[in-house]
Amino acid sequence: MKKDYGKVLGELETQVMEIIWEAQESFSVSDVVKVLSKKRTISYTTVMTIMGRLTDKGLLRRTTSGKAYLYKPSYSKDTFLTRVSRQIIKNLVSSF
């Protein structure tokens, strides 16, 4: 089943969030690159940029571990989906 969060997240952002939600632990950029590399060719800097954007959007929290950052989801997947659904409904109602 395709996981589609509408216009909220891009394809790669969705893949990164799925990896982190499934892991239920802190993940580094390198950890995410390893998982993504099983299915596609991807560079470290691309994943680093995406994870930075997800942090800026408030979906990931970043902590320092030595010289690396570790990332955890700010919300559970269910909470995220609930918030997205509410926002979509709110936008639809305000449009009409």
Protein backbone atom coordinates (compact mmCIF):
# COMPACT_ATOMS: atom_id res chain seq x y z
CA MET A 1 0.00 0.00 0.00
CA LYS A 2 1.37 3.40 -0.98
CA LYS A 3 1.77 5.77 1.93
CA ASP A 4 0.56 9.17 0.80
CA TYR A 5 0.36 12.17 3.11
CA GLY A 6 -0.94 14.46 0.43
CA LYS A 7 0.87 17.71 -0.08
CA VAL A 8 2.28 17.75 3.45
CA LEU A 9 5.41 15.68 2.82
CA GLY A 10 7.39 14.95 -0.30
CA GLU A 11 8.21 11.40 -1.37
CA LEU A 12 11.66 11.31 0.23
CA GLU A 13 10.43 13.06 3.39
CA THR A 14 7.74 10.39 3.69
CA GLN A 15 10.30 7.60 3.28
CA VAL A 16 12.56 9.11 5.96
CA MET A 17 9.67 9.54 8.39
CA GLU A 18 8.50 5.95 7.81
CA ILE A 19 12.01 4.68 8.62
CA ILE A 20 12.20 6.68 11.83
CA TRP A 21 8.65 5.84 12.93
CA GLU A 22 9.27 2.13 12.37
CA ALA A 23 12.60 2.19 14.22
CA GLN A 24 11.15 3.69 17.41
CA GLU A 25 14.64 4.81 18.41
CA SER A 26 17.01 7.64 17.62
CA PHE A 27 18.50 7.49 14.14
CA SER A 28 21.48 9.26 12.62
CA VAL A 29 21.65 10.43 9.02
CA SER A 30 24.01 7.49 8.33
CA ASP A 31 21.43 5.06 9.72
CA VAL A 32 18.74 6.42 7.41
CA VAL A 33 21.12 6.36 4.41
CA LYS A 34 21.84 2.67 5.08
CA VAL A 35 18.15 1.80 5.04
CA LEU A 36 17.35 3.91 1.98
CA SER A 37 20.37 2.56 0.09
CA LYS A 38 18.81 -0.90 0.09
CA LYS A 39 16.14 0.36 -2.31
CA ARG A 40 17.79 3.25 -4.16
CA THR A 41 20.99 5.16 -4.68
CA ILE A 42 21.05 8.20 -2.42
CA SER A 43 23.72 10.53 -1.10
CA TYR A 44 24.42 11.33 2.53
CA THR A 45 24.03 15.07 1.91
CA THR A 46 20.58 14.61 0.36
CA VAL A 47 19.35 12.70 3.40
CA MET A 48 21.01 15.23 5.73
CA THR A 49 19.16 18.06 3.95
CA ILE A 50 15.81 16.25 4.12
CA MET A 51 16.24 15.47 7.82
CA GLY A 52 17.15 19.11 8.46
CA ARG A 53 13.97 20.20 6.69
CA LEU A 54 11.88 17.74 8.70
CA THR A 55 13.45 19.19 11.85
CA ASP A 56 12.60 22.73 10.68
CA LYS A 57 9.00 21.59 10.05
CA GLY A 58 8.85 20.29 13.62
CA LEU A 59 8.46 16.63 12.65
CA LEU A 60 11.88 15.53 13.96
CA ARG A 61 13.79 16.48 17.09
CA ARG A 62 17.56 16.60 16.90
CA THR A 63 20.03 15.91 19.71
CA THR A 64 23.80 15.88 19.66
CA SER A 65 25.75 12.65 20.17
CA GLY A 66 29.46 13.35 19.87
CA LYS A 67 29.96 14.96 16.48
CA ALA A 68 26.75 13.55 15.01
CA TYR A 69 23.10 14.41 15.36
CA LEU A 70 20.51 11.86 16.37
CA TYR A 71 16.91 12.30 15.27
CA LYS A 72 13.63 11.19 16.85
CA PRO A 73 10.10 11.85 15.70
CA SER A 74 8.35 14.74 17.43
CA TYR A 75 5.02 12.93 17.06
CA SER A 76 3.89 9.37 16.68
CA LYS A 77 2.66 8.44 13.22
CA ASP A 78 -0.93 8.35 14.48
CA THR A 79 -0.65 11.83 16.02
CA PHE A 80 0.88 13.18 12.81
CA LEU A 81 -1.89 11.69 10.67
CA THR A 82 -4.54 13.10 13.00
CA ARG A 83 -3.01 16.58 12.82
CA VAL A 84 -2.72 16.42 9.02
CA SER A 85 -6.34 15.28 8.70
CA ARG A 86 -7.56 18.12 10.90
CA GLN A 87 -5.55 20.66 8.93
CA ILE A 88 -6.90 19.37 5.61
CA ILE A 89 -10.48 19.58 6.89
CA LYS A 90 -9.85 23.06 8.29
CA ASN A 91 -8.42 24.21 4.94
CA LEU A 92 -11.37 22.73 3.03
CA VAL A 93 -13.91 24.41 5.31
CA SER A 94 -12.16 27.79 5.04
CA SER A 95 -12.03 27.46 1.23
CA PHE A 96 -15.81 27.13 1.02
